[in-house]
Amino acid sequence: MELKNKFCGKSVSVIVDETTDVKARSVVNVLFSYRSSTKLISVEFLEQDFD
């Protein structure tokens, strides 16, 4: 089921979680949550500046 159809017209919580993976890279996960349904929307690895 597409996300648009699943969450259309509903109050949705957007969860943004920053963490690190096993290689110590920073990762941001974005999730949508409605009642007991939570879906992972995206996973982004952040660039690290070593200036």
PDB file of N, CA and C in Angstrom:
ATOM      1  N   MET A   1       0.846  -1.180   0.000  1.00  0.00           N
ATOM      2  CA  MET A   1       0.000   0.000   0.000  1.00  0.00           C
ATOM      3  C   MET A   1       0.894   1.246   0.000  1.00  0.00           C
ATOM      4  N   GLU A   2       0.593   2.201  -0.838  1.00  0.00           N
ATOM      5  CA  GLU A   2       1.379   3.420  -0.897  1.00  0.00           C
ATOM      6  C   GLU A   2       1.186   4.238   0.372  1.00  0.00           C
ATOM      7  N   LEU A   3       2.231   4.967   0.757  1.00  0.00           N
ATOM      8  CA  LEU A   3       2.150   5.794   1.960  1.00  0.00           C
ATOM      9  C   LEU A   3       1.059   6.841   1.854  1.00  0.00           C
ATOM     10  N   LYS A   4       0.921   7.437   0.684  1.00  0.00           N
ATOM     11  CA  LYS A   4      -0.094   8.473   0.492  1.00  0.00           C
ATOM     12  C   LYS A   4      -1.480   7.930   0.821  1.00  0.00           C
ATOM     13  N   ASN A   5      -1.806   6.748   0.338  1.00  0.00           N
ATOM     14  CA  ASN A   5      -3.106   6.140   0.620  1.00  0.00           C
ATOM     15  C   ASN A   5      -3.235   5.740   2.082  1.00  0.00           C
ATOM     16  N   LYS A   6      -2.156   5.243   2.663  1.00  0.00           N
ATOM     17  CA  LYS A   6      -2.190   4.755   4.045  1.00  0.00           C
ATOM     18  C   LYS A   6      -2.412   5.885   5.044  1.00  0.00           C
ATOM     19  N   PHE A   7      -1.787   7.050   4.821  1.00  0.00           N
ATOM     20  CA  PHE A   7      -1.823   8.127   5.795  1.00  0.00           C
ATOM     21  C   PHE A   7      -2.677   9.324   5.378  1.00  0.00           C
ATOM     22  N   CYS A   8      -3.271   9.313   4.208  1.00  0.00           N
ATOM     23  CA  CYS A   8      -4.053  10.440   3.696  1.00  0.00           C
ATOM     24  C   CYS A   8      -5.196  10.802   4.645  1.00  0.00           C
ATOM     25  N   GLY A   9      -5.275  12.085   5.021  1.00  0.00           N
ATOM     26  CA  GLY A   9      -6.358  12.581   5.863  1.00  0.00           C
ATOM     27  C   GLY A   9      -6.226  12.239   7.333  1.00  0.00           C
ATOM     28  N   LYS A  10      -5.089  11.695   7.746  1.00  0.00           N
ATOM     29  CA  LYS A  10      -4.891  11.295   9.139  1.00  0.00           C
ATOM     30  C   LYS A  10      -3.836  12.174   9.791  1.00  0.00           C
ATOM     31  N   SER A  11      -3.948  12.345  11.092  1.00  0.00           N
ATOM     32  CA  SER A  11      -2.908  13.034  11.852  1.00  0.00           C
ATOM     33  C   SER A  11      -1.747  12.065  12.019  1.00  0.00           C
ATOM     34  N   VAL A  12      -0.600  12.456  11.503  1.00  0.00           N
ATOM     35  CA  VAL A  12       0.558  11.570  11.482  1.00  0.00           C
ATOM     36  C   VAL A  12       1.680  12.192  12.298  1.00  0.00           C
ATOM     37  N   SER A  13       2.352  11.373  13.091  1.00  0.00           N
ATOM     38  CA  SER A  13       3.559  11.812  13.785  1.00  0.00           C
ATOM     39  C   SER A  13       4.748  11.574  12.863  1.00  0.00           C
ATOM     40  N   VAL A  14       5.621  12.569  12.785  1.00  0.00           N
ATOM     41  CA  VAL A  14       6.860  12.422  12.025  1.00  0.00           C
ATOM     42  C   VAL A  14       7.983  12.294  13.046  1.00  0.00           C
ATOM     43  N   ILE A  15       8.715  11.210  12.958  1.00  0.00           N
ATOM     44  CA  ILE A  15       9.788  10.926  13.907  1.00  0.00           C
ATOM     45  C   ILE A  15      11.112  11.029  13.164  1.00  0.00           C
ATOM     46  N   VAL A  16      12.023  11.860  13.690  1.00  0.00           N
ATOM     47  CA  VAL A  16      13.361  11.999  13.122  1.00  0.00           C
ATOM     48  C   VAL A  16      14.340  11.520  14.184  1.00  0.00           C
ATOM     49  N   ASP A  17      15.113  10.504  13.844  1.00  0.00           N
ATOM     50  CA  ASP A  17      16.022   9.877  14.795  1.00  0.00           C
ATOM     51  C   ASP A  17      17.435   9.913  14.240  1.00  0.00           C
ATOM     52  N   GLU A  18      18.352  10.513  14.998  1.00  0.00           N
ATOM     53  CA  GLU A  18      19.757  10.516  14.590  1.00  0.00           C
ATOM     54  C   GLU A  18      20.502   9.520  15.463  1.00  0.00           C
ATOM     55  N   THR A  19      21.306   8.710  14.824  1.00  0.00           N
ATOM     56  CA  THR A  19      22.060   7.682  15.540  1.00  0.00           C
ATOM     57  C   THR A  19      23.359   7.427  14.792  1.00  0.00           C
ATOM     58  N   THR A  20      24.116   6.462  15.228  1.00  0.00           N
ATOM     59  CA  THR A  20      25.310   6.041  14.496  1.00  0.00           C
ATOM     60  C   THR A  20      25.186   4.557  14.177  1.00  0.00           C
ATOM     61  N   ASP A  21      25.814   4.170  13.068  1.00  0.00           N
ATOM     62  CA  ASP A  21      25.800   2.755  12.707  1.00  0.00           C
ATOM     63  C   ASP A  21      27.052   2.074  13.258  1.00  0.00           C
ATOM     64  N   VAL A  22      27.248   0.813  12.923  1.00  0.00           N
ATOM     65  CA  VAL A  22      28.383   0.053  13.455  1.00  0.00           C
ATOM     66  C   VAL A  22      29.733   0.573  12.975  1.00  0.00           C
ATOM     67  N   LYS A  23      29.727   1.392  11.909  1.00  0.00           N
ATOM     68  CA  LYS A  23      30.965   1.988  11.406  1.00  0.00           C
ATOM     69  C   LYS A  23      31.147   3.419  11.898  1.00  0.00           C
ATOM     70  N   ALA A  24      30.350   3.832  12.898  1.00  0.00           N
ATOM     71  CA  ALA A  24      30.409   5.161  13.517  1.00  0.00           C
ATOM     72  C   ALA A  24      30.001   6.284  12.570  1.00  0.00           C
ATOM     73  N   ARG A  25      29.230   5.964  11.528  1.00  0.00           N
ATOM     74  CA  ARG A  25      28.708   6.995  10.633  1.00  0.00           C
ATOM     75  C   ARG A  25      27.412   7.534  11.218  1.00  0.00           C
ATOM     76  N   SER A  26      27.191   8.838  11.078  1.00  0.00           N
ATOM     77  CA  SER A  26      25.934   9.433  11.531  1.00  0.00           C
ATOM     78  C   SER A  26      24.830   9.099  10.542  1.00  0.00           C
ATOM     79  N   VAL A  27      23.697   8.660  11.078  1.00  0.00           N
ATOM     80  CA  VAL A  27      22.563   8.243  10.263  1.00  0.00           C
ATOM     81  C   VAL A  27      21.314   8.941  10.781  1.00  0.00           C
ATOM     82  N   VAL A  28      20.497   9.464   9.855  1.00  0.00           N
ATOM     83  CA  VAL A  28      19.211  10.050  10.225  1.00  0.00           C
ATOM     84  C   VAL A  28      18.110   9.188   9.609  1.00  0.00           C
ATOM     85  N   ASN A  29      17.210   8.712  10.459  1.00  0.00           N
ATOM     86  CA  ASN A  29      16.058   7.923  10.023  1.00  0.00           C
ATOM     87  C   ASN A  29      14.810   8.774  10.168  1.00  0.00           C
ATOM     88  N   VAL A  30      13.940   8.756   9.163  1.00  0.00           N
ATOM     89  CA  VAL A  30      12.661   9.463   9.221  1.00  0.00           C
ATOM     90  C   VAL A  30      11.555   8.415   9.160  1.00  0.00           C
ATOM     91  N   LEU A  31      10.634   8.490  10.134  1.00  0.00           N
ATOM     92  CA  LEU A  31       9.527   7.543  10.216  1.00  0.00           C
ATOM     93  C   LEU A  31       8.212   8.298  10.294  1.00  0.00           C
ATOM     94  N   PHE A  32       7.153   7.711   9.749  1.00  0.00           N
ATOM     95  CA  PHE A  32       5.784   8.205   9.920  1.00  0.00           C
ATOM     96  C   PHE A  32       5.076   7.224  10.835  1.00  0.00           C
ATOM     97  N   SER A  33       4.285   7.756  11.768  1.00  0.00           N
ATOM     98  CA  SER A  33       3.557   6.892  12.687  1.00  0.00           C
ATOM     99  C   SER A  33       2.113   7.348  12.812  1.00  0.00           C
ATOM    100  N   TYR A  34       1.188   6.386  12.732  1.00  0.00           N
ATOM    101  CA  TYR A  34      -0.236   6.632  12.940  1.00  0.00           C
ATOM    102  C   TYR A  34      -0.791   5.450  13.711  1.00  0.00           C
ATOM    103  N   ARG A  35      -1.286   5.722  14.904  1.00  0.00           N
ATOM    104  CA  ARG A  35      -1.784   4.667  15.799  1.00  0.00           C
ATOM    105  C   ARG A  35      -0.723   3.582  15.951  1.00  0.00           C
ATOM    106  N   SER A  36      -1.009   2.360  15.583  1.00  0.00           N
ATOM    107  CA  SER A  36      -0.030   1.278  15.763  1.00  0.00           C
ATOM    108  C   SER A  36       0.767   0.992  14.493  1.00  0.00           C
ATOM    109  N   SER A  37       0.667   1.866  13.495  1.00  0.00           N
ATOM    110  CA  SER A  37       1.370   1.666  12.231  1.00  0.00           C
ATOM    111  C   SER A  37       2.522   2.658  12.108  1.00  0.00           C
ATOM    112  N   THR A  38       3.740   2.153  12.029  1.00  0.00           N
ATOM    113  CA  THR A  38       4.923   2.989  11.856  1.00  0.00           C
ATOM    114  C   THR A  38       5.678   2.503  10.630  1.00  0.00           C
ATOM    115  N   LYS A  39       6.061   3.447   9.768  1.00  0.00           N
ATOM    116  CA  LYS A  39       6.773   3.111   8.533  1.00  0.00           C
ATOM    117  C   LYS A  39       8.062   3.919   8.444  1.00  0.00           C
ATOM    118  N   LEU A  40       9.145   3.244   8.105  1.00  0.00           N
ATOM    119  CA  LEU A  40      10.418   3.903   7.853  1.00  0.00           C
ATOM    120  C   LEU A  40      10.346   4.547   6.477  1.00  0.00           C
ATOM    121  N   ILE A  41      10.533   5.866   6.425  1.00  0.00           N
ATOM    122  CA  ILE A  41      10.390   6.620   5.182  1.00  0.00           C
ATOM    123  C   ILE A  41      11.732   6.811   4.485  1.00  0.00           C
ATOM    124  N   SER A  42      12.753   7.172   5.260  1.00  0.00           N
ATOM    125  CA  SER A  42      14.061   7.355   4.631  1.00  0.00           C
ATOM    126  C   SER A  42      15.183   7.133   5.629  1.00  0.00           C
ATOM    127  N   VAL A  43      16.344   6.793   5.081  1.00  0.00           N
ATOM    128  CA  VAL A  43      17.579   6.634   5.843  1.00  0.00           C
ATOM    129  C   VAL A  43      18.633   7.449   5.114  1.00  0.00           C
ATOM    130  N   GLU A  44      19.226   8.399   5.821  1.00  0.00           N
ATOM    131  CA  GLU A  44      20.244   9.263   5.211  1.00  0.00           C
ATOM    132  C   GLU A  44      21.531   9.182   6.024  1.00  0.00           C
ATOM    133  N   PHE A  45      22.646   8.962   5.342  1.00  0.00           N
ATOM    134  CA  PHE A  45      23.950   8.989   5.983  1.00  0.00           C
ATOM    135  C   PHE A  45      24.500  10.402   5.848  1.00  0.00           C
ATOM    136  N   LEU A  46      24.895  11.000   6.972  1.00  0.00           N
ATOM    137  CA  LEU A  46      25.376  12.378   6.972  1.00  0.00           C
ATOM    138  C   LEU A  46      26.849  12.427   6.610  1.00  0.00           C
ATOM    139  N   GLU A  47      27.189  13.449   5.836  1.00  0.00           N
ATOM    140  CA  GLU A  47      28.585  13.673   5.480  1.00  0.00           C
ATOM    141  C   GLU A  47      29.312  14.220   6.704  1.00  0.00           C
ATOM    142  N   GLN A  48      30.561  13.827   6.852  1.00  0.00           N
ATOM    143  CA  GLN A  48      31.347  14.322   7.975  1.00  0.00           C
ATOM    144  C   GLN A  48      32.433  15.237   7.442  1.00  0.00           C
ATOM    145  N   ASP A  49      32.529  16.434   8.032  1.00  0.00           N
ATOM    146  CA  ASP A  49      33.585  17.381   7.678  1.00  0.00           C
ATOM    147  C   ASP A  49      34.733  17.214   8.658  1.00  0.00           C
ATOM    148  N   PHE A  50      35.922  17.080   8.127  1.00  0.00           N
ATOM    149  CA  PHE A  50      37.101  16.933   8.966  1.00  0.00           C
ATOM    150  C   PHE A  50      38.019  18.133   8.772  1.00  0.00           C
ATOM    151  N   ASP A  51      37.447  19.338   8.876  1.00  0.00           N
ATOM    152  CA  ASP A  51      38.227  20.576   8.694  1.00  0.00           C
ATOM    153  C   ASP A  51      39.068  20.867   9.899  1.00  0.00           C
TER     154      ASP A  51
END
